[in-house]
Amino acid sequence: MITIPYGTDPDQVIDRYEQYSSSRPRIVLIHGGYWGVEWNRDHFTKIAEALSALKWNVSSIEYRRRPGDPDLLVKDVRNALDTFINEKIILIGFSAGGHLALITERYYSNVVAVIGLAPVSDMEETERRGLGQGAVVEWLGGAAAIRPDLDPMKLSAPRSPLFIIQGNEDDRVPFEVTQGYLRHCKAKGAIVTFLPLDGIGHFEFTEPSGPTWEALLRALELAC
């Protein structure tokens, strides 16, 4: 693995794992953590290494996380994604990383699929429920209603095929909230595949084993 900067800040970097000669799209991982400073791309390392071992070209992006400055974070994600503009890519986002994938996909014609692992998909409902200990208001610096441009429920559905994997015992991103977003996407004619998992919570998605890993590999198979 090598780490490549796309800016001057220590958090403006991309980890690139083994680079293979392959006709498959590159996987770009976007980590979660409810947009806070406590979590970084390290919690996606096991997934990145396991996908690389399966001969996928994998890149895991980092971004600056500043409470009250959502535009800084989104700008970083887009600047990181700009480095892949000449490649076909599959976006895989976990939790808040899934949210970032959902709101940035529309800017990139080279995205061939989006895979959301328990993605945060409804900002107003996430705020209303106080999820992530009030993470929405902390990140946005105000109520979700003031930033409909950052709310997947207020945006058009992804243009590329969308795969959402969700556990029905998730207390960080509740199952029923995700189902509301699925209805939103289907109503707008999006191509959506939902892979629900019984007895699965939230943090199992960071481990390359068990039902969450099997579902991710299934989504990748369908995406290609």
C-alpha atoms as a PDB file:
ATOM      1  CA  MET A   1       0.000   0.000   0.000  1.00  0.00           C
ATOM      2  CA  ILE A   2       1.179   3.518  -0.799  1.00  0.00           C
ATOM      3  CA  THR A   3      -0.308   6.798   0.372  1.00  0.00           C
ATOM      4  CA  ILE A   4      -0.670   9.595  -2.166  1.00  0.00           C
ATOM      5  CA  PRO A   5      -1.609  13.195  -1.327  1.00  0.00           C
ATOM      6  CA  TYR A   6      -4.255  15.101  -3.259  1.00  0.00           C
ATOM      7  CA  GLY A   7      -3.772  18.271  -1.152  1.00  0.00           C
ATOM      8  CA  THR A   8      -1.456  19.771   1.419  1.00  0.00           C
ATOM      9  CA  ASP A   9      -3.298  18.782   4.619  1.00  0.00           C
ATOM     10  CA  PRO A  10      -2.328  15.472   6.299  1.00  0.00           C
ATOM     11  CA  ASP A  11      -5.942  14.316   5.864  1.00  0.00           C
ATOM     12  CA  GLN A  12      -5.944  14.979   2.124  1.00  0.00           C
ATOM     13  CA  VAL A  13      -4.563  11.590   1.144  1.00  0.00           C
ATOM     14  CA  ILE A  14      -5.523   8.393  -0.656  1.00  0.00           C
ATOM     15  CA  ASP A  15      -4.271   4.922   0.264  1.00  0.00           C
ATOM     16  CA  ARG A  16      -3.718   2.900  -2.885  1.00  0.00           C
ATOM     17  CA  TYR A  17      -3.436  -0.838  -2.457  1.00  0.00           C
ATOM     18  CA  GLU A  18      -1.900  -3.365  -4.849  1.00  0.00           C
ATOM     19  CA  GLN A  19      -2.382  -2.180  -8.405  1.00  0.00           C
ATOM     20  CA  TYR A  20      -3.340  -4.953 -10.783  1.00  0.00           C
ATOM     21  CA  SER A  21      -3.719  -5.076 -14.518  1.00  0.00           C
ATOM     22  CA  SER A  22      -7.452  -5.618 -14.613  1.00  0.00           C
ATOM     23  CA  SER A  23     -10.453  -4.735 -16.730  1.00  0.00           C
ATOM     24  CA  ARG A  24     -12.578  -4.416 -13.598  1.00  0.00           C
ATOM     25  CA  PRO A  25     -13.398  -0.960 -12.238  1.00  0.00           C
ATOM     26  CA  ARG A  26     -11.364   0.477  -9.391  1.00  0.00           C
ATOM     27  CA  ILE A  27     -12.991   0.307  -5.966  1.00  0.00           C
ATOM     28  CA  VAL A  28     -12.953   3.608  -4.087  1.00  0.00           C
ATOM     29  CA  LEU A  29     -13.714   3.327  -0.384  1.00  0.00           C
ATOM     30  CA  ILE A  30     -15.219   6.196   1.624  1.00  0.00           C
ATOM     31  CA  HIS A  31     -15.100   5.667   5.365  1.00  0.00           C
ATOM     32  CA  GLY A  32     -17.779   6.645   7.866  1.00  0.00           C
ATOM     33  CA  GLY A  33     -17.821   8.012  11.382  1.00  0.00           C
ATOM     34  CA  TYR A  34     -20.729  10.467  11.215  1.00  0.00           C
ATOM     35  CA  TRP A  35     -18.424  13.083   9.661  1.00  0.00           C
ATOM     36  CA  GLY A  36     -16.519  13.426  12.948  1.00  0.00           C
ATOM     37  CA  VAL A  37     -12.841  13.594  13.806  1.00  0.00           C
ATOM     38  CA  GLU A  38     -12.915  10.422  15.930  1.00  0.00           C
ATOM     39  CA  TRP A  39     -12.955   8.061  12.954  1.00  0.00           C
ATOM     40  CA  ASN A  40     -10.708   7.857   9.920  1.00  0.00           C
ATOM     41  CA  ARG A  41      -9.956   5.497   7.053  1.00  0.00           C
ATOM     42  CA  ASP A  42      -8.163   3.061   9.380  1.00  0.00           C
ATOM     43  CA  HIS A  43     -11.436   1.326  10.208  1.00  0.00           C
ATOM     44  CA  PHE A  44     -11.778   0.394   6.515  1.00  0.00           C
ATOM     45  CA  THR A  45      -8.249  -1.038   6.272  1.00  0.00           C
ATOM     46  CA  LYS A  46      -9.265  -4.681   6.704  1.00  0.00           C
ATOM     47  CA  ILE A  47     -11.856  -4.362   3.954  1.00  0.00           C
ATOM     48  CA  ALA A  48      -9.357  -2.644   1.646  1.00  0.00           C
ATOM     49  CA  GLU A  49      -6.719  -5.313   2.206  1.00  0.00           C
ATOM     50  CA  ALA A  50      -9.201  -8.156   1.709  1.00  0.00           C
ATOM     51  CA  LEU A  51     -10.506  -6.690  -1.555  1.00  0.00           C
ATOM     52  CA  SER A  52      -6.946  -6.134  -2.752  1.00  0.00           C
ATOM     53  CA  ALA A  53      -6.167  -9.773  -1.985  1.00  0.00           C
ATOM     54  CA  LEU A  54      -9.016 -10.668  -4.351  1.00  0.00           C
ATOM     55  CA  LYS A  55      -7.199  -8.765  -7.124  1.00  0.00           C
ATOM     56  CA  TRP A  56      -9.309  -5.617  -7.033  1.00  0.00           C
ATOM     57  CA  ASN A  57      -7.601  -2.275  -7.485  1.00  0.00           C
ATOM     58  CA  VAL A  58      -8.568  -0.454  -4.285  1.00  0.00           C
ATOM     59  CA  SER A  59      -8.174   3.107  -3.101  1.00  0.00           C
ATOM     60  CA  SER A  60      -9.319   4.402   0.286  1.00  0.00           C
ATOM     61  CA  ILE A  61      -9.764   8.141   0.611  1.00  0.00           C
ATOM     62  CA  GLU A  62      -9.308  10.388   3.620  1.00  0.00           C
ATOM     63  CA  TYR A  63     -10.833  13.822   4.034  1.00  0.00           C
ATOM     64  CA  ARG A  64     -10.809  16.735   6.451  1.00  0.00           C
ATOM     65  CA  ARG A  65     -13.506  16.647   9.116  1.00  0.00           C
ATOM     66  CA  ARG A  66     -14.354  19.993  10.702  1.00  0.00           C
ATOM     67  CA  PRO A  67     -17.552  20.503  12.731  1.00  0.00           C
ATOM     68  CA  GLY A  68     -19.687  23.230  11.190  1.00  0.00           C
ATOM     69  CA  ASP A  69     -17.874  23.171   7.834  1.00  0.00           C
ATOM     70  CA  PRO A  70     -19.524  20.506   5.657  1.00  0.00           C
ATOM     71  CA  ASP A  71     -18.391  22.116   2.422  1.00  0.00           C
ATOM     72  CA  LEU A  72     -14.737  21.548   3.327  1.00  0.00           C
ATOM     73  CA  LEU A  73     -15.365  17.814   3.672  1.00  0.00           C
ATOM     74  CA  VAL A  74     -17.438  17.498   0.498  1.00  0.00           C
ATOM     75  CA  LYS A  75     -14.841  19.486  -1.442  1.00  0.00           C
ATOM     76  CA  ASP A  76     -12.148  17.074  -0.259  1.00  0.00           C
ATOM     77  CA  VAL A  77     -14.169  14.032  -1.299  1.00  0.00           C
ATOM     78  CA  ARG A  78     -14.730  15.510  -4.734  1.00  0.00           C
ATOM     79  CA  ASN A  79     -11.064  16.481  -5.107  1.00  0.00           C
ATOM     80  CA  ALA A  80     -10.088  12.924  -4.191  1.00  0.00           C
ATOM     81  CA  LEU A  81     -12.578  11.472  -6.680  1.00  0.00           C
ATOM     82  CA  ASP A  82     -11.286  13.818  -9.365  1.00  0.00           C
ATOM     83  CA  THR A  83      -8.009  11.866  -9.310  1.00  0.00           C
ATOM     84  CA  PHE A  84      -9.840   8.837 -10.725  1.00  0.00           C
ATOM     85  CA  ILE A  85     -11.582  10.687 -13.542  1.00  0.00           C
ATOM     86  CA  ASN A  86      -9.897   8.579 -16.230  1.00  0.00           C
ATOM     87  CA  GLU A  87     -10.951   5.261 -14.665  1.00  0.00           C
ATOM     88  CA  LYS A  88     -14.208   3.444 -14.162  1.00  0.00           C
ATOM     89  CA  ILE A  89     -14.891   3.299 -10.426  1.00  0.00           C
ATOM     90  CA  ILE A  90     -17.231   1.663  -7.944  1.00  0.00           C
ATOM     91  CA  LEU A  91     -17.940   3.781  -4.890  1.00  0.00           C
ATOM     92  CA  ILE A  92     -18.290   1.869  -1.620  1.00  0.00           C
ATOM     93  CA  GLY A  93     -19.293   3.989   1.346  1.00  0.00           C
ATOM     94  CA  PHE A  94     -19.921   2.893   4.908  1.00  0.00           C
ATOM     95  CA  SER A  95     -22.360   4.818   7.119  1.00  0.00           C
ATOM     96  CA  ALA A  96     -21.576   8.538   6.658  1.00  0.00           C
ATOM     97  CA  GLY A  97     -19.235   7.440   3.873  1.00  0.00           C
ATOM     98  CA  GLY A  98     -22.272   5.961   2.180  1.00  0.00           C
ATOM     99  CA  HIS A  99     -23.960   9.337   2.503  1.00  0.00           C
ATOM    100  CA  LEU A 100     -20.968  10.987   0.845  1.00  0.00           C
ATOM    101  CA  ALA A 101     -21.094   8.474  -1.992  1.00  0.00           C
ATOM    102  CA  LEU A 102     -24.800   9.122  -2.521  1.00  0.00           C
ATOM    103  CA  ILE A 103     -24.430  12.905  -2.742  1.00  0.00           C
ATOM    104  CA  THR A 104     -21.280  12.988  -4.910  1.00  0.00           C
ATOM    105  CA  GLU A 105     -22.044  10.233  -7.438  1.00  0.00           C
ATOM    106  CA  ARG A 106     -24.064  12.589  -9.621  1.00  0.00           C
ATOM    107  CA  TYR A 107     -20.946  14.604 -10.517  1.00  0.00           C
ATOM    108  CA  TYR A 108     -19.098  11.650 -12.071  1.00  0.00           C
ATOM    109  CA  SER A 109     -19.971   9.850 -15.264  1.00  0.00           C
ATOM    110  CA  ASN A 110     -17.212   7.299 -14.588  1.00  0.00           C
ATOM    111  CA  VAL A 111     -19.020   5.830 -11.547  1.00  0.00           C
ATOM    112  CA  VAL A 112     -20.410   2.478 -12.650  1.00  0.00           C
ATOM    113  CA  ALA A 113     -22.049   1.536  -9.328  1.00  0.00           C
ATOM    114  CA  VAL A 114     -22.557   2.766  -5.784  1.00  0.00           C
ATOM    115  CA  ILE A 115     -22.570   0.316  -2.883  1.00  0.00           C
ATOM    116  CA  GLY A 116     -23.887   1.736   0.368  1.00  0.00           C
ATOM    117  CA  LEU A 117     -23.050  -0.191   3.530  1.00  0.00           C
ATOM    118  CA  ALA A 118     -25.668   1.018   6.031  1.00  0.00           C
ATOM    119  CA  PRO A 119     -25.524   4.484   4.446  1.00  0.00           C
ATOM    120  CA  VAL A 120     -26.832   7.609   6.148  1.00  0.00           C
ATOM    121  CA  SER A 121     -29.486   8.496   3.602  1.00  0.00           C
ATOM    122  CA  ASP A 122     -31.997  10.833   5.280  1.00  0.00           C
ATOM    123  CA  MET A 123     -30.467  13.833   7.004  1.00  0.00           C
ATOM    124  CA  GLU A 124     -33.665  15.266   8.461  1.00  0.00           C
ATOM    125  CA  GLU A 125     -34.737  11.939   9.928  1.00  0.00           C
ATOM    126  CA  THR A 126     -31.234  11.298  11.247  1.00  0.00           C
ATOM    127  CA  GLU A 127     -31.372  14.682  12.955  1.00  0.00           C
ATOM    128  CA  ARG A 128     -34.872  14.092  14.302  1.00  0.00           C
ATOM    129  CA  ARG A 129     -33.787  10.831  15.908  1.00  0.00           C
ATOM    130  CA  GLY A 130     -30.615  12.360  17.335  1.00  0.00           C
ATOM    131  CA  LEU A 131     -28.478   9.672  15.738  1.00  0.00           C
ATOM    132  CA  GLY A 132     -24.734   9.842  16.142  1.00  0.00           C
ATOM    133  CA  GLN A 133     -25.238  11.989  19.239  1.00  0.00           C
ATOM    134  CA  GLY A 134     -26.539  14.881  17.188  1.00  0.00           C
ATOM    135  CA  ALA A 135     -23.985  14.404  14.417  1.00  0.00           C
ATOM    136  CA  VAL A 136     -26.052  16.083  11.693  1.00  0.00           C
ATOM    137  CA  VAL A 137     -26.365  19.424  13.481  1.00  0.00           C
ATOM    138  CA  GLU A 138     -22.750  19.289  14.640  1.00  0.00           C
ATOM    139  CA  TRP A 139     -21.425  18.669  11.137  1.00  0.00           C
ATOM    140  CA  LEU A 140     -23.709  21.079   9.302  1.00  0.00           C
ATOM    141  CA  GLY A 141     -23.577  23.773  11.962  1.00  0.00           C
ATOM    142  CA  GLY A 142     -27.375  23.890  11.916  1.00  0.00           C
ATOM    143  CA  ALA A 143     -30.498  21.944  11.045  1.00  0.00           C
ATOM    144  CA  ALA A 144     -30.584  19.536   8.115  1.00  0.00           C
ATOM    145  CA  ALA A 145     -33.329  21.593   6.494  1.00  0.00           C
ATOM    146  CA  ILE A 146     -30.869  24.391   5.705  1.00  0.00           C
ATOM    147  CA  ARG A 147     -28.771  22.111   3.475  1.00  0.00           C
ATOM    148  CA  PRO A 148     -31.075  20.136   1.184  1.00  0.00           C
ATOM    149  CA  ASP A 149     -28.150  19.903  -1.248  1.00  0.00           C
ATOM    150  CA  LEU A 150     -26.468  17.526   1.223  1.00  0.00           C
ATOM    151  CA  ASP A 151     -29.519  15.366   1.902  1.00  0.00           C
ATOM    152  CA  PRO A 152     -29.915  12.275  -0.320  1.00  0.00           C
ATOM    153  CA  MET A 153     -33.667  12.364   0.324  1.00  0.00           C
ATOM    154  CA  LYS A 154     -33.831  15.820  -1.274  1.00  0.00           C
ATOM    155  CA  LEU A 155     -31.710  14.946  -4.291  1.00  0.00           C
ATOM    156  CA  SER A 156     -32.271  12.915  -7.408  1.00  0.00           C
ATOM    157  CA  ALA A 157     -31.547   9.234  -7.018  1.00  0.00           C
ATOM    158  CA  PRO A 158     -28.132   8.006  -8.196  1.00  0.00           C
ATOM    159  CA  ARG A 159     -27.863   7.564 -11.948  1.00  0.00           C
ATOM    160  CA  SER A 160     -25.622   4.516 -11.687  1.00  0.00           C
ATOM    161  CA  PRO A 161     -26.871   1.195 -10.269  1.00  0.00           C
ATOM    162  CA  LEU A 162     -27.252   1.405  -6.509  1.00  0.00           C
ATOM    163  CA  PHE A 163     -26.720  -1.447  -4.060  1.00  0.00           C
ATOM    164  CA  ILE A 164     -27.633  -0.999  -0.415  1.00  0.00           C
ATOM    165  CA  ILE A 165     -26.677  -3.529   2.242  1.00  0.00           C
ATOM    166  CA  GLN A 166     -28.307  -3.081   5.627  1.00  0.00           C
ATOM    167  CA  GLY A 167     -28.701  -5.033   8.855  1.00  0.00           C
ATOM    168  CA  ASN A 168     -32.067  -5.118  10.563  1.00  0.00           C
ATOM    169  CA  GLU A 169     -30.533  -4.646  14.026  1.00  0.00           C
ATOM    170  CA  ASP A 170     -28.599  -1.488  13.209  1.00  0.00           C
ATOM    171  CA  ASP A 171     -29.076   1.155  15.910  1.00  0.00           C
ATOM    172  CA  ARG A 172     -26.707   3.690  14.304  1.00  0.00           C
ATOM    173  CA  VAL A 173     -28.462   3.809  10.933  1.00  0.00           C
ATOM    174  CA  PRO A 174     -31.905   2.271  11.507  1.00  0.00           C
ATOM    175  CA  PHE A 175     -33.242  -0.231   9.008  1.00  0.00           C
ATOM    176  CA  GLU A 176     -36.525   1.633   8.516  1.00  0.00           C
ATOM    177  CA  VAL A 177     -34.745   4.882   7.664  1.00  0.00           C
ATOM    178  CA  THR A 178     -32.857   3.124   4.898  1.00  0.00           C
ATOM    179  CA  GLN A 179     -36.091   1.616   3.610  1.00  0.00           C
ATOM    180  CA  GLY A 180     -37.528   5.119   3.295  1.00  0.00           C
ATOM    181  CA  TYR A 181     -34.621   6.091   1.065  1.00  0.00           C
ATOM    182  CA  LEU A 182     -35.100   2.973  -1.033  1.00  0.00           C
ATOM    183  CA  ARG A 183     -38.703   3.984  -1.665  1.00  0.00           C
ATOM    184  CA  HIS A 184     -37.483   7.457  -2.648  1.00  0.00           C
ATOM    185  CA  CYS A 185     -35.035   6.011  -5.176  1.00  0.00           C
ATOM    186  CA  LYS A 186     -37.478   3.562  -6.673  1.00  0.00           C
ATOM    187  CA  ALA A 187     -40.093   6.290  -7.076  1.00  0.00           C
ATOM    188  CA  LYS A 188     -37.566   8.218  -9.162  1.00  0.00           C
ATOM    189  CA  GLY A 189     -36.860   5.228 -11.376  1.00  0.00           C
ATOM    190  CA  ALA A 190     -33.435   4.345 -10.033  1.00  0.00           C
ATOM    191  CA  ILE A 191     -31.889   0.915 -10.463  1.00  0.00           C
ATOM    192  CA  VAL A 192     -31.710  -0.310  -6.873  1.00  0.00           C
ATOM    193  CA  THR A 193     -30.750  -3.654  -5.358  1.00  0.00           C
ATOM    194  CA  PHE A 194     -31.415  -4.068  -1.645  1.00  0.00           C
ATOM    195  CA  LEU A 195     -29.570  -6.745   0.300  1.00  0.00           C
ATOM    196  CA  PRO A 196     -31.083  -6.891   3.813  1.00  0.00           C
ATOM    197  CA  LEU A 197     -29.324  -8.882   6.510  1.00  0.00           C
ATOM    198  CA  ASP A 198     -31.031 -10.506   9.503  1.00  0.00           C
ATOM    199  CA  GLY A 199     -29.423 -10.143  12.907  1.00  0.00           C
ATOM    200  CA  ILE A 200     -26.776  -7.668  11.732  1.00  0.00           C
ATOM    201  CA  GLY A 201     -25.989  -4.353  13.385  1.00  0.00           C
ATOM    202  CA  HIS A 202     -23.692  -1.566  12.232  1.00  0.00           C
ATOM    203  CA  PHE A 203     -20.023  -2.198  12.855  1.00  0.00           C
ATOM    204  CA  GLU A 204     -19.940  -5.678  11.314  1.00  0.00           C
ATOM    205  CA  PHE A 205     -19.432  -3.902   7.988  1.00  0.00           C
ATOM    206  CA  THR A 206     -15.815  -3.124   8.858  1.00  0.00           C
ATOM    207  CA  GLU A 207     -14.864  -6.818   8.999  1.00  0.00           C
ATOM    208  CA  PRO A 208     -14.191  -8.921   5.870  1.00  0.00           C
ATOM    209  CA  SER A 209     -16.086 -11.930   7.182  1.00  0.00           C
ATOM    210  CA  GLY A 210     -19.595 -13.181   7.784  1.00  0.00           C
ATOM    211  CA  PRO A 211     -22.858 -12.105   6.124  1.00  0.00           C
ATOM    212  CA  THR A 212     -21.829  -8.480   5.558  1.00  0.00           C
ATOM    213  CA  TRP A 213     -18.713  -9.512   3.638  1.00  0.00           C
ATOM    214  CA  GLU A 214     -20.616 -12.102   1.616  1.00  0.00           C
ATOM    215  CA  ALA A 215     -23.234  -9.481   0.726  1.00  0.00           C
ATOM    216  CA  LEU A 216     -20.556  -7.010  -0.352  1.00  0.00           C
ATOM    217  CA  LEU A 217     -18.932  -9.586  -2.628  1.00  0.00           C
ATOM    218  CA  ARG A 218     -22.361 -10.391  -4.051  1.00  0.00           C
ATOM    219  CA  ALA A 219     -23.001  -6.698  -4.772  1.00  0.00           C
ATOM    220  CA  LEU A 220     -19.631  -6.409  -6.508  1.00  0.00           C
ATOM    221  CA  GLU A 221     -20.423  -9.461  -8.611  1.00  0.00           C
ATOM    222  CA  LEU A 222     -23.732  -7.943  -9.667  1.00  0.00           C
ATOM    223  CA  ALA A 223     -22.166  -4.541 -10.295  1.00  0.00           C
ATOM    224  CA  CYS A 224     -19.719  -6.019 -12.798  1.00  0.00           C
END
